[in-house]
PDB file of N, CA and C in Angstrom:
ATOM      1  N   MET A   1       0.999   3.743 -16.063  1.00  0.00           N
ATOM      2  CA  MET A   1      -0.023   3.905 -15.454  1.00  0.00           C
ATOM      3  C   MET A   1      -0.350   3.698 -13.901  1.00  0.00           C
ATOM      4  N   LEU A   2      -0.726   4.579 -13.400  1.00  0.00           N
ATOM      5  CA  LEU A   2      -0.389   4.931 -12.241  1.00  0.00           C
ATOM      6  C   LEU A   2      -1.944   4.160 -11.479  1.00  0.00           C
ATOM      7  N   VAL A   3      -1.485   3.135 -10.212  1.00  0.00           N
ATOM      8  CA  VAL A   3      -2.648   2.326  -9.829  1.00  0.00           C
ATOM      9  C   VAL A   3      -3.740   3.280  -8.627  1.00  0.00           C
ATOM     10  N   HIS A   4      -2.736   4.279  -8.347  1.00  0.00           N
ATOM     11  CA  HIS A   4      -3.386   5.138  -7.348  1.00  0.00           C
ATOM     12  C   HIS A   4      -2.684   6.157  -7.239  1.00  0.00           C
ATOM     13  N   GLU A   5      -3.407   7.623  -7.208  1.00  0.00           N
ATOM     14  CA  GLU A   5      -2.635   8.882  -7.167  1.00  0.00           C
ATOM     15  C   GLU A   5      -1.646   8.608  -5.626  1.00  0.00           C
ATOM     16  N   PHE A   6      -0.458   9.796  -5.844  1.00  0.00           N
ATOM     17  CA  PHE A   6       0.201  10.109  -5.248  1.00  0.00           C
ATOM     18  C   PHE A   6       0.042  10.662  -3.744  1.00  0.00           C
ATOM     19  N   ARG A   7       0.187   9.998  -2.682  1.00  0.00           N
ATOM     20  CA  ARG A   7      -0.146  10.868  -1.295  1.00  0.00           C
ATOM     21  C   ARG A   7       1.493  11.137  -0.605  1.00  0.00           C
ATOM     22  N   PRO A   8       1.910  12.613  -0.869  1.00  0.00           N
ATOM     23  CA  PRO A   8       3.040  12.718  -0.381  1.00  0.00           C
ATOM     24  C   PRO A   8       2.773  12.827   1.349  1.00  0.00           C
ATOM     25  N   GLY A   9       1.846  12.837   1.488  1.00  0.00           N
ATOM     26  CA  GLY A   9       1.905  13.002   3.221  1.00  0.00           C
ATOM     27  C   GLY A   9       1.980  11.518   3.617  1.00  0.00           C
ATOM     28  N   ARG A  10       1.346  10.626   3.210  1.00  0.00           N
ATOM     29  CA  ARG A  10       1.834   9.386   3.230  1.00  0.00           C
ATOM     30  C   ARG A  10       3.372   8.260   3.613  1.00  0.00           C
ATOM     31  N   LEU A  11       3.992   9.441   2.557  1.00  0.00           N
ATOM     32  CA  LEU A  11       5.063   9.152   2.437  1.00  0.00           C
ATOM     33  C   LEU A  11       5.878   9.378   3.578  1.00  0.00           C
ATOM     34  N   LEU A  12       5.793  10.652   3.418  1.00  0.00           N
ATOM     35  CA  LEU A  12       6.567  11.597   4.672  1.00  0.00           C
ATOM     36  C   LEU A  12       5.908  10.952   6.188  1.00  0.00           C
ATOM     37  N   VAL A  13       4.818  10.566   6.316  1.00  0.00           N
ATOM     38  CA  VAL A  13       4.512   9.779   7.820  1.00  0.00           C
ATOM     39  C   VAL A  13       5.549   8.422   7.740  1.00  0.00           C
ATOM     40  N   GLY A  14       5.914   7.395   6.872  1.00  0.00           N
ATOM     41  CA  GLY A  14       6.510   6.434   6.595  1.00  0.00           C
ATOM     42  C   GLY A  14       7.576   6.774   6.659  1.00  0.00           C
ATOM     43  N   LEU A  15       8.456   7.666   6.039  1.00  0.00           N
ATOM     44  CA  LEU A  15       9.626   8.162   6.163  1.00  0.00           C
ATOM     45  C   LEU A  15      10.208   8.457   7.824  1.00  0.00           C
ATOM     46  N   THR A  16       9.366   9.100   8.422  1.00  0.00           N
ATOM     47  CA  THR A  16       9.636   9.593   9.956  1.00  0.00           C
ATOM     48  C   THR A  16       9.573   8.181  10.880  1.00  0.00           C
ATOM     49  N   ALA A  17       8.728   7.387  10.162  1.00  0.00           N
ATOM     50  CA  ALA A  17       8.576   5.835  11.183  1.00  0.00           C
ATOM     51  C   ALA A  17       9.517   5.221  10.816  1.00  0.00           C
ATOM     52  N   LEU A  18      10.329   5.346   9.884  1.00  0.00           N
ATOM     53  CA  LEU A  18      11.154   4.594   9.437  1.00  0.00           C
ATOM     54  C   LEU A  18      12.602   4.965  10.395  1.00  0.00           C
ATOM     55  N   ALA A  19      12.765   6.498  10.124  1.00  0.00           N
ATOM     56  CA  ALA A  19      14.071   7.248  10.714  1.00  0.00           C
ATOM     57  C   ALA A  19      14.059   6.929  11.871  1.00  0.00           C
ATOM     58  N   LEU A  20      12.705   6.871  13.039  1.00  0.00           N
ATOM     59  CA  LEU A  20      12.864   6.669  14.169  1.00  0.00           C
ATOM     60  C   LEU A  20      13.074   4.991  14.276  1.00  0.00           C
ATOM     61  N   ALA A  21      12.836   4.599  13.648  1.00  0.00           N
ATOM     62  CA  ALA A  21      13.124   2.856  13.986  1.00  0.00           C
ATOM     63  C   ALA A  21      14.433   2.668  13.783  1.00  0.00           C
ATOM     64  N   ALA A  22      15.088   3.111  12.577  1.00  0.00           N
ATOM     65  CA  ALA A  22      16.291   3.635  12.236  1.00  0.00           C
ATOM     66  C   ALA A  22      17.580   3.610  13.360  1.00  0.00           C
ATOM     67  N   VAL A  23      16.904   4.778  14.099  1.00  0.00           N
ATOM     68  CA  VAL A  23      17.185   5.370  15.282  1.00  0.00           C
ATOM     69  C   VAL A  23      17.409   4.186  16.468  1.00  0.00           C
ATOM     70  N   TYR A  24      16.088   3.892  17.095  1.00  0.00           N
ATOM     71  CA  TYR A  24      16.234   3.106  18.204  1.00  0.00           C
ATOM     72  C   TYR A  24      16.563   1.566  17.655  1.00  0.00           C
ATOM     73  N   ALA A  25      16.956   1.322  16.475  1.00  0.00           N
ATOM     74  CA  ALA A  25      17.560   0.170  16.431  1.00  0.00           C
ATOM     75  C   ALA A  25      18.919  -0.007  16.223  1.00  0.00           C
ATOM     76  N   GLY A  26      19.984   1.515  16.053  1.00  0.00           N
ATOM     77  CA  GLY A  26      20.937   1.401  16.449  1.00  0.00           C
ATOM     78  C   GLY A  26      21.311   1.694  17.870  1.00  0.00           C
ATOM     79  N   ASP A  27      20.344   2.563  18.356  1.00  0.00           N
ATOM     80  CA  ASP A  27      20.350   2.161  19.774  1.00  0.00           C
ATOM     81  C   ASP A  27      20.252   1.066  20.404  1.00  0.00           C
ATOM     82  N   ALA A  28      19.602   0.196  20.031  1.00  0.00           N
ATOM     83  CA  ALA A  28      19.100  -1.830  20.362  1.00  0.00           C
ATOM     84  C   ALA A  28      20.723  -2.294  20.477  1.00  0.00           C
ATOM     85  N   THR A  29      21.090  -2.109  19.103  1.00  0.00           N
ATOM     86  CA  THR A  29      22.253  -2.558  18.436  1.00  0.00           C
ATOM     87  C   THR A  29      23.942  -2.333  19.421  1.00  0.00           C
ATOM     88  N   GLY A  30      23.590  -1.431  20.203  1.00  0.00           N
ATOM     89  CA  GLY A  30      24.973  -0.549  21.221  1.00  0.00           C
ATOM     90  C   GLY A  30      25.804   0.784  20.027  1.00  0.00           C
ATOM     91  N   ALA A  31      25.275   0.870  18.891  1.00  0.00           N
ATOM     92  CA  ALA A  31      26.017   1.751  17.829  1.00  0.00           C
ATOM     93  C   ALA A  31      26.301   3.065  18.599  1.00  0.00           C
ATOM     94  N   TRP A  32      25.168   3.479  18.947  1.00  0.00           N
ATOM     95  CA  TRP A  32      25.148   4.977  19.925  1.00  0.00           C
ATOM     96  C   TRP A  32      24.112   5.264  20.689  1.00  0.00           C
ATOM     97  N   THR A  33      24.085   5.828  21.839  1.00  0.00           N
ATOM     98  CA  THR A  33      22.671   5.895  22.688  1.00  0.00           C
ATOM     99  C   THR A  33      22.252   7.293  22.274  1.00  0.00           C
ATOM    100  N   THR A  34      20.670   6.809  22.231  1.00  0.00           N
ATOM    101  CA  THR A  34      19.719   7.743  21.923  1.00  0.00           C
ATOM    102  C   THR A  34      18.638   7.835  23.099  1.00  0.00           C
ATOM    103  N   PRO A  35      18.233   9.338  23.201  1.00  0.00           N
ATOM    104  CA  PRO A  35      17.621   9.484  24.333  1.00  0.00           C
ATOM    105  C   PRO A  35      15.595   8.956  24.216  1.00  0.00           C
ATOM    106  N   TRP A  36      15.096   8.396  25.100  1.00  0.00           N
ATOM    107  CA  TRP A  36      14.174   7.914  24.924  1.00  0.00           C
ATOM    108  C   TRP A  36      12.722   9.334  24.770  1.00  0.00           C
ATOM    109  N   TYR A  37      13.414  10.399  25.122  1.00  0.00           N
ATOM    110  CA  TYR A  37      12.577  11.788  24.552  1.00  0.00           C
ATOM    111  C   TYR A  37      12.870  12.198  23.302  1.00  0.00           C
ATOM    112  N   LEU A  38      13.687  11.288  22.324  1.00  0.00           N
ATOM    113  CA  LEU A  38      13.465  11.784  21.281  1.00  0.00           C
ATOM    114  C   LEU A  38      12.543  11.403  20.525  1.00  0.00           C
ATOM    115  N   VAL A  39      11.963  10.762  20.436  1.00  0.00           N
ATOM    116  CA  VAL A  39      10.874  10.220  19.723  1.00  0.00           C
ATOM    117  C   VAL A  39       9.167  11.779  19.513  1.00  0.00           C
ATOM    118  N   ILE A  40       9.314  11.979  20.630  1.00  0.00           N
ATOM    119  CA  ILE A  40       8.398  13.033  20.673  1.00  0.00           C
ATOM    120  C   ILE A  40       8.669  14.298  19.418  1.00  0.00           C
ATOM    121  N   PRO A  41       9.653  15.354  19.771  1.00  0.00           N
ATOM    122  CA  PRO A  41      10.092  15.991  18.706  1.00  0.00           C
ATOM    123  C   PRO A  41      10.091  15.703  17.098  1.00  0.00           C
ATOM    124  N   VAL A  42      10.435  14.274  17.186  1.00  0.00           N
ATOM    125  CA  VAL A  42      11.214  13.912  15.731  1.00  0.00           C
ATOM    126  C   VAL A  42       9.531  13.248  15.171  1.00  0.00           C
ATOM    127  N   LEU A  43       8.690  13.010  15.594  1.00  0.00           N
ATOM    128  CA  LEU A  43       7.615  12.448  15.605  1.00  0.00           C
ATOM    129  C   LEU A  43       6.537  13.477  15.292  1.00  0.00           C
ATOM    130  N   CYS A  44       6.764  14.665  16.059  1.00  0.00           N
ATOM    131  CA  CYS A  44       5.500  15.573  15.907  1.00  0.00           C
ATOM    132  C   CYS A  44       6.168  16.420  14.516  1.00  0.00           C
ATOM    133  N   GLY A  45       6.994  16.529  14.462  1.00  0.00           N
ATOM    134  CA  GLY A  45       7.668  17.209  13.606  1.00  0.00           C
ATOM    135  C   GLY A  45       7.297  16.935  11.672  1.00  0.00           C
ATOM    136  N   GLY A  46       7.425  14.839  12.181  1.00  0.00           N
ATOM    137  CA  GLY A  46       7.380  14.090  10.727  1.00  0.00           C
ATOM    138  C   GLY A  46       5.609  14.438  10.437  1.00  0.00           C
ATOM    139  N   LEU A  47       4.760  14.316  11.827  1.00  0.00           N
ATOM    140  CA  LEU A  47       3.471  14.281  11.178  1.00  0.00           C
ATOM    141  C   LEU A  47       2.997  16.243  11.059  1.00  0.00           C
ATOM    142  N   GLY A  48       3.938  17.021  11.813  1.00  0.00           N
ATOM    143  CA  GLY A  48       3.198  18.206  10.978  1.00  0.00           C
ATOM    144  C   GLY A  48       3.740  18.656   9.623  1.00  0.00           C
ATOM    145  N   VAL A  49       5.029  17.969   9.369  1.00  0.00           N
ATOM    146  CA  VAL A  49       5.557  18.089   7.987  1.00  0.00           C
ATOM    147  C   VAL A  49       4.326  17.091   6.766  1.00  0.00           C
ATOM    148  N   ALA A  50       4.110  16.493   7.318  1.00  0.00           N
ATOM    149  CA  ALA A  50       3.057  15.472   6.423  1.00  0.00           C
ATOM    150  C   ALA A  50       1.425  15.960   6.223  1.00  0.00           C
ATOM    151  N   GLY A  51       1.134  16.553   7.630  1.00  0.00           N
ATOM    152  CA  GLY A  51       0.069  17.456   7.372  1.00  0.00           C
ATOM    153  C   GLY A  51       0.273  18.898   6.374  1.00  0.00           C
ATOM    154  N   LEU A  52       1.016  19.365   6.590  1.00  0.00           N
ATOM    155  CA  LEU A  52       1.528  20.618   5.620  1.00  0.00           C
ATOM    156  C   LEU A  52       1.613  20.247   4.141  1.00  0.00           C
ATOM    157  N   ALA A  53       1.968  19.022   4.275  1.00  0.00           N
ATOM    158  CA  ALA A  53       2.121  18.252   2.411  1.00  0.00           C
ATOM    159  C   ALA A  53       0.943  17.640   1.883  1.00  0.00           C
ATOM    160  N   SER A  54      -0.030  17.091   2.762  1.00  0.00           N
ATOM    161  CA  SER A  54      -0.991  16.835   2.536  1.00  0.00           C
ATOM    162  C   SER A  54      -2.152  17.713   1.951  1.00  0.00           C
ATOM    163  N   TRP A  55      -2.033  18.676   2.586  1.00  0.00           N
ATOM    164  CA  TRP A  55      -2.623  20.180   2.031  1.00  0.00           C
ATOM    165  C   TRP A  55      -2.313  20.731   1.029  1.00  0.00           C
ATOM    166  N   VAL A  56      -1.433  21.017   1.045  1.00  0.00           N
ATOM    167  CA  VAL A  56      -0.400  20.921  -0.245  1.00  0.00           C
ATOM    168  C   VAL A  56      -1.324  20.464  -1.357  1.00  0.00           C
ATOM    169  N   ALA A  57      -0.690  19.229  -1.085  1.00  0.00           N
ATOM    170  CA  ALA A  57      -1.311  18.628  -2.381  1.00  0.00           C
ATOM    171  C   ALA A  57      -3.093  18.098  -2.729  1.00  0.00           C
ATOM    172  N   TYR A  58      -3.931  18.607  -1.770  1.00  0.00           N
ATOM    173  CA  TYR A  58      -5.192  18.545  -1.451  1.00  0.00           C
ATOM    174  C   TYR A  58      -5.582  19.356  -2.042  1.00  0.00           C
ATOM    175  N   ARG A  59      -5.098  20.782  -2.174  1.00  0.00           N
ATOM    176  CA  ARG A  59      -5.056  22.404  -3.063  1.00  0.00           C
ATOM    177  C   ARG A  59      -4.804  22.117  -4.054  1.00  0.00           C
ATOM    178  N   ILE A  60      -3.801  21.573  -4.530  1.00  0.00           N
ATOM    179  CA  ILE A  60      -3.007  21.353  -6.251  1.00  0.00           C
ATOM    180  C   ILE A  60      -4.078  20.693  -6.800  1.00  0.00           C
ATOM    181  N   ARG A  61      -4.851  19.089  -5.661  1.00  0.00           N
ATOM    182  CA  ARG A  61      -5.854  18.051  -7.147  1.00  0.00           C
ATOM    183  C   ARG A  61      -7.304  19.094  -7.268  1.00  0.00           C
ATOM    184  N   ARG A  62      -7.355  20.043  -6.059  1.00  0.00           N
ATOM    185  CA  ARG A  62      -8.793  20.377  -6.308  1.00  0.00           C
ATOM    186  C   ARG A  62      -8.463  21.755  -6.874  1.00  0.00           C
ATOM    187  N   ARG A  63      -7.463  22.556  -7.007  1.00  0.00           N
ATOM    188  CA  ARG A  63      -7.319  23.460  -8.115  1.00  0.00           C
ATOM    189  C   ARG A  63      -7.532  22.795  -9.760  1.00  0.00           C
ATOM    190  N   SER A  64      -6.713  21.959  -9.752  1.00  0.00           N
ATOM    191  CA  SER A  64      -6.422  21.327 -11.032  1.00  0.00           C
ATOM    192  C   SER A  64      -8.030  20.695 -11.769  1.00  0.00           C
ATOM    193  N   ALA A  65      -8.903  19.710 -10.651  1.00  0.00           N
ATOM    194  CA  ALA A  65      -9.901  19.324 -10.857  1.00  0.00           C
ATOM    195  C   ALA A  65     -10.992  20.424 -10.873  1.00  0.00           C
ATOM    196  N   ARG A  66     -10.843  21.315 -10.733  1.00  0.00           N
ATOM    197  CA  ARG A  66     -11.791  23.060 -11.069  1.00  0.00           C
ATOM    198  C   ARG A  66     -11.260  23.453 -11.988  1.00  0.00           C
ATOM    199  N   SER A  67     -10.449  23.572 -12.956  1.00  0.00           N
ATOM    200  CA  SER A  67      -9.886  24.135 -13.763  1.00  0.00           C
ATOM    201  C   SER A  67     -10.375  23.212 -14.846  1.00  0.00           C
ATOM    202  N   ARG A  68     -10.547  21.717 -14.748  1.00  0.00           N
ATOM    203  CA  ARG A  68     -11.453  20.435 -15.864  1.00  0.00           C
ATOM    204  C   ARG A  68     -12.338  20.713 -15.801  1.00  0.00           C
ATOM    205  N   SER A  69     -12.955  21.005 -14.474  1.00  0.00           N
ATOM    206  CA  SER A  69     -14.354  20.489 -14.613  1.00  0.00           C
ATOM    207  C   SER A  69     -14.872  21.929 -15.563  1.00  0.00           C
ATOM    208  N   SER A  70     -14.229  23.032 -15.441  1.00  0.00           N
ATOM    209  CA  SER A  70     -14.746  24.365 -16.742  1.00  0.00           C
ATOM    210  C   SER A  70     -15.054  23.983 -17.931  1.00  0.00           C
ATOM    211  N   ASP A  71     -13.888  23.136 -18.332  1.00  0.00           N
ATOM    212  CA  ASP A  71     -13.920  23.050 -19.538  1.00  0.00           C
ATOM    213  C   ASP A  71     -15.403  22.344 -20.393  1.00  0.00           C
ATOM    214  N   SER A  72     -16.696  21.953 -19.664  1.00  0.00           N
ATOM    215  CA  SER A  72     -17.970  21.559 -20.524  1.00  0.00           C
ATOM    216  C   SER A  72     -19.062  22.768 -20.065  1.00  0.00           C
ATOM    217  N   THR A  73     -18.605  23.596 -19.802  1.00  0.00           N
ATOM    218  CA  THR A  73     -19.854  24.820 -19.291  1.00  0.00           C
ATOM    219  C   THR A  73     -20.473  25.499 -20.694  1.00  0.00           C
ATOM    220  N   ASP A  74     -20.064  24.956 -21.924  1.00  0.00           N
ATOM    221  CA  ASP A  74     -20.559  25.739 -23.108  1.00  0.00           C
ATOM    222  C   ASP A  74     -21.357  24.420 -23.925  1.00  0.00           C
ATOM    223  N   ALA A  75     -21.384  23.492 -22.932  1.00  0.00           N
ATOM    224  CA  ALA A  75     -22.273  22.195 -23.801  1.00  0.00           C
ATOM    225  C   ALA A  75     -23.874  22.531 -23.273  1.00  0.00           C
ATOM    226  N   PRO A  76     -25.060  22.264 -24.006  1.00  0.00           N
ATOM    227  CA  PRO A  76     -25.841  22.763 -23.713  1.00  0.00           C
ATOM    228  C   PRO A  76     -26.628  21.763 -23.161  1.00  0.00           C
ATOM    229  N   ALA A  77     -28.269  22.371 -22.374  1.00  0.00           N
ATOM    230  CA  ALA A  77     -28.576  21.650 -21.065  1.00  0.00           C
ATOM    231  C   ALA A  77     -29.308  20.513 -21.783  1.00  0.00           C
ATOM    232  N   SER A  78     -29.481  19.252 -20.952  1.00  0.00           N
ATOM    233  CA  SER A  78     -30.249  18.201 -21.373  1.00  0.00           C
ATOM    234  C   SER A  78     -31.625  18.787 -21.722  1.00  0.00           C
ATOM    235  N   THR A  79     -32.282  17.902 -23.000  1.00  0.00           N
ATOM    236  CA  THR A  79     -33.632  18.150 -23.382  1.00  0.00           C
ATOM    237  C   THR A  79     -34.232  17.133 -23.270  1.00  0.00           C
ATOM    238  N   SER A  80     -33.898  16.074 -22.103  1.00  0.00           N
ATOM    239  CA  SER A  80     -34.528  14.638 -22.170  1.00  0.00           C
ATOM    240  C   SER A  80     -35.429  14.983 -20.917  1.00  0.00           C
ATOM    241  N   GLY A  81     -35.179  16.226 -19.931  1.00  0.00           N
ATOM    242  CA  GLY A  81     -35.923  16.444 -18.675  1.00  0.00           C
ATOM    243  C   GLY A  81     -35.371  15.796 -17.682  1.00  0.00           C
ATOM    244  N   SER A  82     -33.945  15.195 -17.817  1.00  0.00           N
ATOM    245  CA  SER A  82     -33.154  14.500 -16.564  1.00  0.00           C
ATOM    246  C   SER A  82     -32.580  16.103 -16.193  1.00  0.00           C
ATOM    247  N   GLN A  83     -32.628  16.066 -14.740  1.00  0.00           N
ATOM    248  CA  GLN A  83     -31.819  17.151 -14.288  1.00  0.00           C
ATOM    249  C   GLN A  83     -30.646  16.764 -13.121  1.00  0.00           C
ATOM    250  N   ALA A  84     -29.758  15.524 -14.113  1.00  0.00           N
ATOM    251  CA  ALA A  84     -28.759  14.891 -13.285  1.00  0.00           C
ATOM    252  C   ALA A  84     -27.528  16.149 -13.908  1.00  0.00           C
ATOM    253  N   ILE A  85     -26.257  16.339 -12.583  1.00  0.00           N
ATOM    254  CA  ILE A  85     -25.927  17.123 -12.723  1.00  0.00           C
ATOM    255  C   ILE A  85     -24.398  16.079 -13.505  1.00  0.00           C
ATOM    256  N   ARG A  86     -23.849  17.054 -14.422  1.00  0.00           N
ATOM    257  CA  ARG A  86     -22.819  16.386 -15.549  1.00  0.00           C
ATOM    258  C   ARG A  86     -21.555  15.997 -14.866  1.00  0.00           C
TER     259      ARG A  86
END
């Protein structure tokens, strides 16, 4: 049982941050030389891909919720006088 729903955008943002941390950690230890401006395209690209993944996941969740909510359209209206939405 899942404790919370899967959020692919957050996963991609975390992986982007870890990738940047690994690149600059390698630079700090002297394993390779990393230009300072590398962070801009990697971060912007990672955030863009994460935004796209979040939007796609939102559309999928919205579509599946809409198809599940249409199952109760045959239920009779409430006769108790309550106008509450089911």
